[in-house]
PDB file of N, CA and C in Angstrom:
ATOM      1  N   MET A   1     279.630  39.539-255.624  1.00  0.00           N
ATOM      2  CA  MET A   1     280.209  39.551-254.294  1.00  0.00           C
ATOM      3  C   MET A   1     279.309  38.736-253.379  1.00  0.00           C
ATOM      4  N   ARG A   2     279.904  37.872-252.628  1.00  0.00           N
ATOM      5  CA  ARG A   2     279.076  37.055-251.720  1.00  0.00           C
ATOM      6  C   ARG A   2     278.938  37.765-250.379  1.00  0.00           C
ATOM      7  N   GLY A   3     277.982  37.315-249.581  1.00  0.00           N
ATOM      8  CA  GLY A   3     277.764  37.909-248.290  1.00  0.00           C
ATOM      9  C   GLY A   3     278.812  37.423-247.273  1.00  0.00           C
ATOM     10  N   VAL A   4     278.552  37.773-246.050  1.00  0.00           N
ATOM     11  CA  VAL A   4     279.382  37.366-244.944  1.00  0.00           C
ATOM     12  C   VAL A   4     278.502  36.534-244.028  1.00  0.00           C
ATOM     13  N   TYR A   5     279.008  35.413-243.560  1.00  0.00           N
ATOM     14  CA  TYR A   5     278.229  34.452-242.779  1.00  0.00           C
ATOM     15  C   TYR A   5     278.963  34.169-241.474  1.00  0.00           C
ATOM     16  N   GLY A   6     278.247  33.519-240.575  1.00  0.00           N
ATOM     17  CA  GLY A   6     278.788  33.267-239.242  1.00  0.00           C
ATOM     18  C   GLY A   6     280.171  32.594-239.207  1.00  0.00           C
ATOM     19  N   ASP A   7     280.457  31.798-240.202  1.00  0.00           N
ATOM     20  CA  ASP A   7     281.802  31.133-240.137  1.00  0.00           C
ATOM     21  C   ASP A   7     282.898  31.957-240.794  1.00  0.00           C
ATOM     22  N   ASP A   8     282.646  33.194-241.153  1.00  0.00           N
ATOM     23  CA  ASP A   8     283.668  34.055-241.737  1.00  0.00           C
ATOM     24  C   ASP A   8     284.511  34.793-240.711  1.00  0.00           C
ATOM     25  N   ALA A   9     284.148  34.656-239.445  1.00  0.00           N
ATOM     26  CA  ALA A   9     284.970  35.258-238.378  1.00  0.00           C
ATOM     27  C   ALA A   9     284.818  34.370-237.133  1.00  0.00           C
ATOM     28  N   PHE A  10     285.878  34.351-236.356  1.00  0.00           N
ATOM     29  CA  PHE A  10     285.845  33.529-235.116  1.00  0.00           C
ATOM     30  C   PHE A  10     284.781  34.082-234.131  1.00  0.00           C
ATOM     31  N   GLU A  11     284.713  35.410-234.061  1.00  0.00           N
ATOM     32  CA  GLU A  11     283.727  36.092-233.210  1.00  0.00           C
ATOM     33  C   GLU A  11     282.639  36.704-234.142  1.00  0.00           C
ATOM     34  N   ARG A  12     281.403  36.471-233.842  1.00  0.00           N
ATOM     35  CA  ARG A  12     280.337  37.027-234.635  1.00  0.00           C
ATOM     36  C   ARG A  12     280.426  38.528-234.693  1.00  0.00           C
ATOM     37  N   ASP A  13     280.848  39.175-233.600  1.00  0.00           N
ATOM     38  CA  ASP A  13     280.920  40.668-233.590  1.00  0.00           C
ATOM     39  C   ASP A  13     281.958  41.212-234.572  1.00  0.00           C
ATOM     40  N   ASP A  14     282.808  40.364-235.160  1.00  0.00           N
ATOM     41  CA  ASP A  14     283.768  40.794-236.106  1.00  0.00           C
ATOM     42  C   ASP A  14     283.259  40.707-237.565  1.00  0.00           C
ATOM     43  N   LEU A  15     282.057  40.287-237.756  1.00  0.00           N
ATOM     44  CA  LEU A  15     281.578  40.078-239.125  1.00  0.00           C
ATOM     45  C   LEU A  15     281.337  41.374-239.925  1.00  0.00           C
ATOM     46  N   VAL A  16     280.900  42.430-239.291  1.00  0.00           N
ATOM     47  CA  VAL A  16     280.689  43.657-240.036  1.00  0.00           C
ATOM     48  C   VAL A  16     281.988  44.205-240.648  1.00  0.00           C
ATOM     49  N   PRO A  17     283.073  44.244-239.848  1.00  0.00           N
ATOM     50  CA  PRO A  17     284.348  44.673-240.493  1.00  0.00           C
ATOM     51  C   PRO A  17     284.781  43.779-241.641  1.00  0.00           C
ATOM     52  N   VAL A  18     284.533  42.487-241.552  1.00  0.00           N
ATOM     53  CA  VAL A  18     284.809  41.601-242.642  1.00  0.00           C
ATOM     54  C   VAL A  18     283.972  41.954-243.863  1.00  0.00           C
ATOM     55  N   ALA A  19     282.708  42.209-243.636  1.00  0.00           N
ATOM     56  CA  ALA A  19     281.832  42.572-244.750  1.00  0.00           C
ATOM     57  C   ALA A  19     282.243  43.846-245.396  1.00  0.00           C
ATOM     58  N   VAL A  20     282.585  44.832-244.588  1.00  0.00           N
ATOM     59  CA  VAL A  20     283.042  46.154-245.117  1.00  0.00           C
ATOM     60  C   VAL A  20     284.270  45.980-245.924  1.00  0.00           C
ATOM     61  N   GLY A  21     285.204  45.223-245.427  1.00  0.00           N
ATOM     62  CA  GLY A  21     286.455  44.969-246.205  1.00  0.00           C
ATOM     63  C   GLY A  21     286.219  44.298-247.508  1.00  0.00           C
ATOM     64  N   ARG A  22     285.349  43.276-247.543  1.00  0.00           N
ATOM     65  CA  ARG A  22     285.059  42.582-248.778  1.00  0.00           C
ATOM     66  C   ARG A  22     284.353  43.517-249.756  1.00  0.00           C
ATOM     67  N   ALA A  23     283.414  44.300-249.256  1.00  0.00           N
ATOM     68  CA  ALA A  23     282.700  45.191-250.154  1.00  0.00           C
ATOM     69  C   ALA A  23     283.621  46.222-250.762  1.00  0.00           C
ATOM     70  N   ARG A  24     284.499  46.808-249.975  1.00  0.00           N
ATOM     71  CA  ARG A  24     285.489  47.775-250.481  1.00  0.00           C
ATOM     72  C   ARG A  24     286.445  47.130-251.463  1.00  0.00           C
ATOM     73  N   THR A  25     286.894  45.920-251.205  1.00  0.00           N
ATOM     74  CA  THR A  25     287.763  45.208-252.132  1.00  0.00           C
ATOM     75  C   THR A  25     287.102  44.986-253.468  1.00  0.00           C
ATOM     76  N   ALA A  26     285.784  44.765-253.450  1.00  0.00           N
ATOM     77  CA  ALA A  26     284.989  44.549-254.672  1.00  0.00           C
ATOM     78  C   ALA A  26     284.646  45.850-255.357  1.00  0.00           C
ATOM     79  N   GLY A  27     285.074  46.999-254.780  1.00  0.00           N
ATOM     80  CA  GLY A  27     284.825  48.260-255.375  1.00  0.00           C
ATOM     81  C   GLY A  27     283.643  49.053-254.887  1.00  0.00           C
ATOM     82  N   ALA A  28     282.974  48.539-253.904  1.00  0.00           N
ATOM     83  CA  ALA A  28     281.822  49.253-253.323  1.00  0.00           C
ATOM     84  C   ALA A  28     282.280  50.391-252.415  1.00  0.00           C
ATOM     85  N   VAL A  29     281.528  51.423-252.382  1.00  0.00           N
ATOM     86  CA  VAL A  29     281.785  52.546-251.463  1.00  0.00           C
ATOM     87  C   VAL A  29     281.016  52.320-250.223  1.00  0.00           C
ATOM     88  N   VAL A  30     281.661  52.134-249.083  1.00  0.00           N
ATOM     89  CA  VAL A  30     281.014  51.942-247.798  1.00  0.00           C
ATOM     90  C   VAL A  30     281.581  53.007-246.893  1.00  0.00           C
ATOM     91  N   PRO A  31     280.920  54.117-246.779  1.00  0.00           N
ATOM     92  CA  PRO A  31     281.430  55.251-245.977  1.00  0.00           C
ATOM     93  C   PRO A  31     281.681  54.878-244.529  1.00  0.00           C
ATOM     94  N   SER A  32     280.774  54.033-243.947  1.00  0.00           N
ATOM     95  CA  SER A  32     280.915  53.666-242.577  1.00  0.00           C
ATOM     96  C   SER A  32     280.060  52.437-242.291  1.00  0.00           C
ATOM     97  N   PRO A  33     280.248  51.818-241.125  1.00  0.00           N
ATOM     98  CA  PRO A  33     279.394  50.646-240.809  1.00  0.00           C
ATOM     99  C   PRO A  33     277.886  51.044-240.736  1.00  0.00           C
ATOM    100  N   ALA A  34     277.598  52.280-240.527  1.00  0.00           N
ATOM    101  CA  ALA A  34     276.184  52.713-240.490  1.00  0.00           C
ATOM    102  C   ALA A  34     275.502  52.460-241.811  1.00  0.00           C
ATOM    103  N   HIS A  35     276.232  52.214-242.871  1.00  0.00           N
ATOM    104  CA  HIS A  35     275.660  51.906-244.166  1.00  0.00           C
ATOM    105  C   HIS A  35     275.604  50.406-244.458  1.00  0.00           C
ATOM    106  N   VAL A  36     275.785  49.644-243.379  1.00  0.00           N
ATOM    107  CA  VAL A  36     275.725  48.171-243.514  1.00  0.00           C
ATOM    108  C   VAL A  36     274.432  47.695-242.787  1.00  0.00           C
ATOM    109  N   VAL A  37     273.817  46.651-243.363  1.00  0.00           N
ATOM    110  CA  VAL A  37     272.654  46.055-242.754  1.00  0.00           C
ATOM    111  C   VAL A  37     273.005  44.567-242.483  1.00  0.00           C
ATOM    112  N   VAL A  38     272.869  44.139-241.261  1.00  0.00           N
ATOM    113  CA  VAL A  38     273.036  42.761-240.885  1.00  0.00           C
ATOM    114  C   VAL A  38     271.665  42.133-240.804  1.00  0.00           C
ATOM    115  N   ILE A  39     271.495  41.075-241.552  1.00  0.00           N
ATOM    116  CA  ILE A  39     270.208  40.379-241.595  1.00  0.00           C
ATOM    117  C   ILE A  39     270.401  39.015-240.917  1.00  0.00           C
ATOM    118  N   GLY A  40     269.554  38.751-239.905  1.00  0.00           N
ATOM    119  CA  GLY A  40     269.744  37.493-239.189  1.00  0.00           C
ATOM    120  C   GLY A  40     268.521  37.101-238.428  1.00  0.00           C
ATOM    121  N   ASP A  41     268.562  35.965-237.741  1.00  0.00           N
ATOM    122  CA  ASP A  41     267.373  35.480-237.022  1.00  0.00           C
ATOM    123  C   ASP A  41     267.739  35.130-235.565  1.00  0.00           C
ATOM    124  N   THR A  42     268.807  35.713-235.039  1.00  0.00           N
ATOM    125  CA  THR A  42     269.150  35.478-233.646  1.00  0.00           C
ATOM    126  C   THR A  42     269.498  36.781-232.936  1.00  0.00           C
ATOM    127  N   PRO A  43     269.399  36.826-231.645  1.00  0.00           N
ATOM    128  CA  PRO A  43     269.851  37.972-230.860  1.00  0.00           C
ATOM    129  C   PRO A  43     271.347  38.292-231.112  1.00  0.00           C
ATOM    130  N   LEU A  44     272.131  37.269-231.366  1.00  0.00           N
ATOM    131  CA  LEU A  44     273.565  37.476-231.659  1.00  0.00           C
ATOM    132  C   LEU A  44     273.785  38.314-232.930  1.00  0.00           C
ATOM    133  N   ASP A  45     272.891  38.080-233.941  1.00  0.00           N
ATOM    134  CA  ASP A  45     272.999  38.848-235.172  1.00  0.00           C
ATOM    135  C   ASP A  45     272.663  40.337-234.913  1.00  0.00           C
ATOM    136  N   ILE A  46     271.690  40.586-234.043  1.00  0.00           N
ATOM    137  CA  ILE A  46     271.294  41.964-233.734  1.00  0.00           C
ATOM    138  C   ILE A  46     272.471  42.612-232.938  1.00  0.00           C
ATOM    139  N   ARG A  47     273.034  41.922-232.007  1.00  0.00           N
ATOM    140  CA  ARG A  47     274.169  42.449-231.246  1.00  0.00           C
ATOM    141  C   ARG A  47     275.364  42.750-232.151  1.00  0.00           C
ATOM    142  N   CYS A  48     275.622  41.848-233.089  1.00  0.00           N
ATOM    143  CA  CYS A  48     276.724  42.027-234.017  1.00  0.00           C
ATOM    144  C   CYS A  48     276.624  43.357-234.722  1.00  0.00           C
ATOM    145  N   ALA A  49     275.427  43.665-235.187  1.00  0.00           N
ATOM    146  CA  ALA A  49     275.174  44.928-235.891  1.00  0.00           C
ATOM    147  C   ALA A  49     275.378  46.078-234.949  1.00  0.00           C
ATOM    148  N   ARG A  50     274.786  46.024-233.737  1.00  0.00           N
ATOM    149  CA  ARG A  50     274.883  47.117-232.794  1.00  0.00           C
ATOM    150  C   ARG A  50     276.337  47.418-232.406  1.00  0.00           C
ATOM    151  N   VAL A  51     277.111  46.390-232.143  1.00  0.00           N
ATOM    152  CA  VAL A  51     278.509  46.502-231.759  1.00  0.00           C
ATOM    153  C   VAL A  51     279.295  47.290-232.805  1.00  0.00           C
ATOM    154  N   ALA A  52     279.016  47.010-234.105  1.00  0.00           N
ATOM    155  CA  ALA A  52     279.717  47.618-235.195  1.00  0.00           C
ATOM    156  C   ALA A  52     279.167  48.962-235.613  1.00  0.00           C
ATOM    157  N   GLY A  53     277.980  49.330-235.106  1.00  0.00           N
ATOM    158  CA  GLY A  53     277.375  50.595-235.518  1.00  0.00           C
ATOM    159  C   GLY A  53     276.583  50.424-236.825  1.00  0.00           C
ATOM    160  N   ALA A  54     276.211  49.182-237.152  1.00  0.00           N
ATOM    161  CA  ALA A  54     275.465  48.871-238.347  1.00  0.00           C
ATOM    162  C   ALA A  54     273.971  48.783-238.007  1.00  0.00           C
ATOM    163  N   ARG A  55     273.121  48.670-238.995  1.00  0.00           N
ATOM    164  CA  ARG A  55     271.716  48.449-238.777  1.00  0.00           C
ATOM    165  C   ARG A  55     271.424  46.984-238.830  1.00  0.00           C
ATOM    166  N   SER A  56     270.265  46.590-238.276  1.00  0.00           N
ATOM    167  CA  SER A  56     269.929  45.118-238.277  1.00  0.00           C
ATOM    168  C   SER A  56     268.499  44.928-238.686  1.00  0.00           C
ATOM    169  N   ILE A  57     268.339  43.845-239.504  1.00  0.00           N
ATOM    170  CA  ILE A  57     267.045  43.332-239.807  1.00  0.00           C
ATOM    171  C   ILE A  57     266.935  41.960-239.170  1.00  0.00           C
ATOM    172  N   ALA A  58     266.024  41.802-238.262  1.00  0.00           N
ATOM    173  CA  ALA A  58     265.784  40.501-237.629  1.00  0.00           C
ATOM    174  C   ALA A  58     264.559  39.863-238.200  1.00  0.00           C
ATOM    175  N   VAL A  59     264.696  38.597-238.559  1.00  0.00           N
ATOM    176  CA  VAL A  59     263.602  37.842-239.139  1.00  0.00           C
ATOM    177  C   VAL A  59     263.326  36.644-238.183  1.00  0.00           C
ATOM    178  N   ALA A  60     262.118  36.552-237.763  1.00  0.00           N
ATOM    179  CA  ALA A  60     261.757  35.470-236.792  1.00  0.00           C
ATOM    180  C   ALA A  60     261.513  34.137-237.490  1.00  0.00           C
ATOM    181  N   THR A  61     262.540  33.652-238.176  1.00  0.00           N
ATOM    182  CA  THR A  61     262.381  32.378-238.863  1.00  0.00           C
ATOM    183  C   THR A  61     263.171  31.277-238.227  1.00  0.00           C
ATOM    184  N   GLY A  62     263.952  31.598-237.204  1.00  0.00           N
ATOM    185  CA  GLY A  62     264.795  30.586-236.576  1.00  0.00           C
ATOM    186  C   GLY A  62     264.211  30.149-235.252  1.00  0.00           C
ATOM    187  N   SER A  63     265.071  29.942-234.279  1.00  0.00           N
ATOM    188  CA  SER A  63     264.647  29.458-232.942  1.00  0.00           C
ATOM    189  C   SER A  63     263.999  30.502-232.061  1.00  0.00           C
ATOM    190  N   PHE A  64     264.115  31.751-232.459  1.00  0.00           N
ATOM    191  CA  PHE A  64     263.620  32.831-231.614  1.00  0.00           C
ATOM    192  C   PHE A  64     262.319  33.406-232.165  1.00  0.00           C
ATOM    193  N   ASP A  65     261.317  33.572-231.299  1.00  0.00           N
ATOM    194  CA  ASP A  65     260.053  34.050-231.769  1.00  0.00           C
ATOM    195  C   ASP A  65     260.050  35.567-231.911  1.00  0.00           C
ATOM    196  N   LEU A  66     258.988  36.115-232.469  1.00  0.00           N
ATOM    197  CA  LEU A  66     258.877  37.508-232.762  1.00  0.00           C
ATOM    198  C   LEU A  66     259.020  38.399-231.521  1.00  0.00           C
ATOM    199  N   THR A  67     258.458  37.941-230.403  1.00  0.00           N
ATOM    200  CA  THR A  67     258.548  38.730-229.166  1.00  0.00           C
ATOM    201  C   THR A  67     259.992  38.834-228.688  1.00  0.00           C
ATOM    202  N   THR A  68     260.704  37.753-228.727  1.00  0.00           N
ATOM    203  CA  THR A  68     262.098  37.738-228.278  1.00  0.00           C
ATOM    204  C   THR A  68     262.951  38.636-229.202  1.00  0.00           C
ATOM    205  N   ILE A  69     262.761  38.533-230.480  1.00  0.00           N
ATOM    206  CA  ILE A  69     263.475  39.340-231.434  1.00  0.00           C
ATOM    207  C   ILE A  69     263.173  40.830-231.206  1.00  0.00           C
ATOM    208  N   HIS A  70     261.922  41.179-230.988  1.00  0.00           N
ATOM    209  CA  HIS A  70     261.569  42.570-230.739  1.00  0.00           C
ATOM    210  C   HIS A  70     262.255  43.100-229.492  1.00  0.00           C
ATOM    211  N   ARG A  71     262.350  42.317-228.446  1.00  0.00           N
ATOM    212  CA  ARG A  71     263.004  42.801-227.206  1.00  0.00           C
ATOM    213  C   ARG A  71     264.488  43.091-227.373  1.00  0.00           C
ATOM    214  N   LYS A  72     265.095  42.539-228.405  1.00  0.00           N
ATOM    215  CA  LYS A  72     266.557  42.767-228.590  1.00  0.00           C
ATOM    216  C   LYS A  72     266.822  44.061-229.413  1.00  0.00           C
ATOM    217  N   SER A  73     265.826  44.782-229.777  1.00  0.00           N
ATOM    218  CA  SER A  73     265.949  46.102-230.385  1.00  0.00           C
ATOM    219  C   SER A  73     266.690  46.126-231.733  1.00  0.00           C
ATOM    220  N   ALA A  74     266.260  45.216-232.618  1.00  0.00           N
ATOM    221  CA  ALA A  74     266.746  45.302-233.988  1.00  0.00           C
ATOM    222  C   ALA A  74     266.240  46.584-234.654  1.00  0.00           C
ATOM    223  N   THR A  75     266.927  47.056-235.647  1.00  0.00           N
ATOM    224  CA  THR A  75     266.450  48.254-236.350  1.00  0.00           C
ATOM    225  C   THR A  75     265.099  48.036-236.981  1.00  0.00           C
ATOM    226  N   ALA A  76     264.928  46.826-237.545  1.00  0.00           N
ATOM    227  CA  ALA A  76     263.647  46.397-238.147  1.00  0.00           C
ATOM    228  C   ALA A  76     263.442  44.942-237.833  1.00  0.00           C
ATOM    229  N   VAL A  77     262.166  44.560-237.635  1.00  0.00           N
ATOM    230  CA  VAL A  77     261.838  43.156-237.294  1.00  0.00           C
ATOM    231  C   VAL A  77     260.727  42.749-238.256  1.00  0.00           C
ATOM    232  N   PHE A  78     260.909  41.541-238.811  1.00  0.00           N
ATOM    233  CA  PHE A  78     259.907  41.010-239.697  1.00  0.00           C
ATOM    234  C   PHE A  78     259.576  39.551-239.242  1.00  0.00           C
ATOM    235  N   PRO A  79     258.325  39.129-239.370  1.00  0.00           N
ATOM    236  CA  PRO A  79     257.943  37.780-238.961  1.00  0.00           C
ATOM    237  C   PRO A  79     258.592  36.689-239.829  1.00  0.00           C
ATOM    238  N   ASP A  80     258.796  37.007-241.109  1.00  0.00           N
ATOM    239  CA  ASP A  80     259.416  36.067-242.036  1.00  0.00           C
ATOM    240  C   ASP A  80     259.822  36.854-243.277  1.00  0.00           C
ATOM    241  N   ARG A  81     260.246  36.118-244.300  1.00  0.00           N
ATOM    242  CA  ARG A  81     260.718  36.796-245.512  1.00  0.00           C
ATOM    243  C   ARG A  81     259.558  37.126-246.491  1.00  0.00           C
ATOM    244  N   SER A  82     258.325  36.831-246.080  1.00  0.00           N
ATOM    245  CA  SER A  82     257.266  37.025-246.995  1.00  0.00           C
ATOM    246  C   SER A  82     256.795  38.489-247.139  1.00  0.00           C
ATOM    247  N   VAL A  83     257.278  39.311-246.273  1.00  0.00           N
ATOM    248  CA  VAL A  83     256.874  40.766-246.255  1.00  0.00           C
ATOM    249  C   VAL A  83     257.907  41.528-247.111  1.00  0.00           C
ATOM    250  N   ARG A  84     258.005  41.140-248.318  1.00  0.00           N
ATOM    251  CA  ARG A  84     258.978  41.672-249.249  1.00  0.00           C
ATOM    252  C   ARG A  84     258.929  43.184-249.434  1.00  0.00           C
ATOM    253  N   GLU A  85     257.766  43.733-249.565  1.00  0.00           N
ATOM    254  CA  GLU A  85     257.573  45.184-249.780  1.00  0.00           C
ATOM    255  C   GLU A  85     258.148  45.979-248.576  1.00  0.00           C
ATOM    256  N   ALA A  86     257.841  45.522-247.381  1.00  0.00           N
ATOM    257  CA  ALA A  86     258.321  46.213-246.159  1.00  0.00           C
ATOM    258  C   ALA A  86     259.812  46.085-246.051  1.00  0.00           C
ATOM    259  N   PHE A  87     260.348  44.951-246.350  1.00  0.00           N
ATOM    260  CA  PHE A  87     261.761  44.680-246.331  1.00  0.00           C
ATOM    261  C   PHE A  87     262.481  45.614-247.315  1.00  0.00           C
ATOM    262  N   LEU A  88     261.994  45.714-248.549  1.00  0.00           N
ATOM    263  CA  LEU A  88     262.632  46.564-249.536  1.00  0.00           C
ATOM    264  C   LEU A  88     262.456  48.046-249.207  1.00  0.00           C
ATOM    265  N   ALA A  89     261.333  48.409-248.572  1.00  0.00           N
ATOM    266  CA  ALA A  89     261.142  49.796-248.139  1.00  0.00           C
ATOM    267  C   ALA A  89     262.178  50.175-247.120  1.00  0.00           C
ATOM    268  N   PHE A  90     262.450  49.252-246.196  1.00  0.00           N
ATOM    269  CA  PHE A  90     263.472  49.512-245.171  1.00  0.00           C
ATOM    270  C   PHE A  90     264.836  49.760-245.825  1.00  0.00           C
ATOM    271  N   LEU A  91     265.194  48.941-246.807  1.00  0.00           N
ATOM    272  CA  LEU A  91     266.481  49.085-247.441  1.00  0.00           C
ATOM    273  C   LEU A  91     266.589  50.368-248.244  1.00  0.00           C
ATOM    274  N   ASP A  92     265.426  50.841-248.776  1.00  0.00           N
ATOM    275  CA  ASP A  92     265.434  52.086-249.537  1.00  0.00           C
ATOM    276  C   ASP A  92     265.637  53.311-248.630  1.00  0.00           C
ATOM    277  N   GLU A  93     265.526  53.158-247.333  1.00  0.00           N
ATOM    278  CA  GLU A  93     265.734  54.320-246.453  1.00  0.00           C
ATOM    279  C   GLU A  93     267.151  54.811-246.392  1.00  0.00           C
ATOM    280  N   PHE A  94     268.082  54.034-246.932  1.00  0.00           N
ATOM    281  CA  PHE A  94     269.493  54.450-246.870  1.00  0.00           C
ATOM    282  C   PHE A  94     269.683  55.694-247.691  1.00  0.00           C
TER     283      PHE A  94
END
């Protein structure tokens, strides 16, 4: 199953429902959007998760620095993808 990306919906805030639908079609059990994690590097990705009731992982690898990402209240924030253990630990919390 492939992920869901910015061009999969006209409005970014509609991406979580698209992801849930695809996952369910593929046979995954997704009880609610609270079981979805949006991973992104912009404040819009964080908002997309919040609007849908999903969790968010923000990675400061794009145009936004760590301070800006922190201020947007992502569920988890990482400076980059090199912190693999912390990233996996976050996912294990489900």
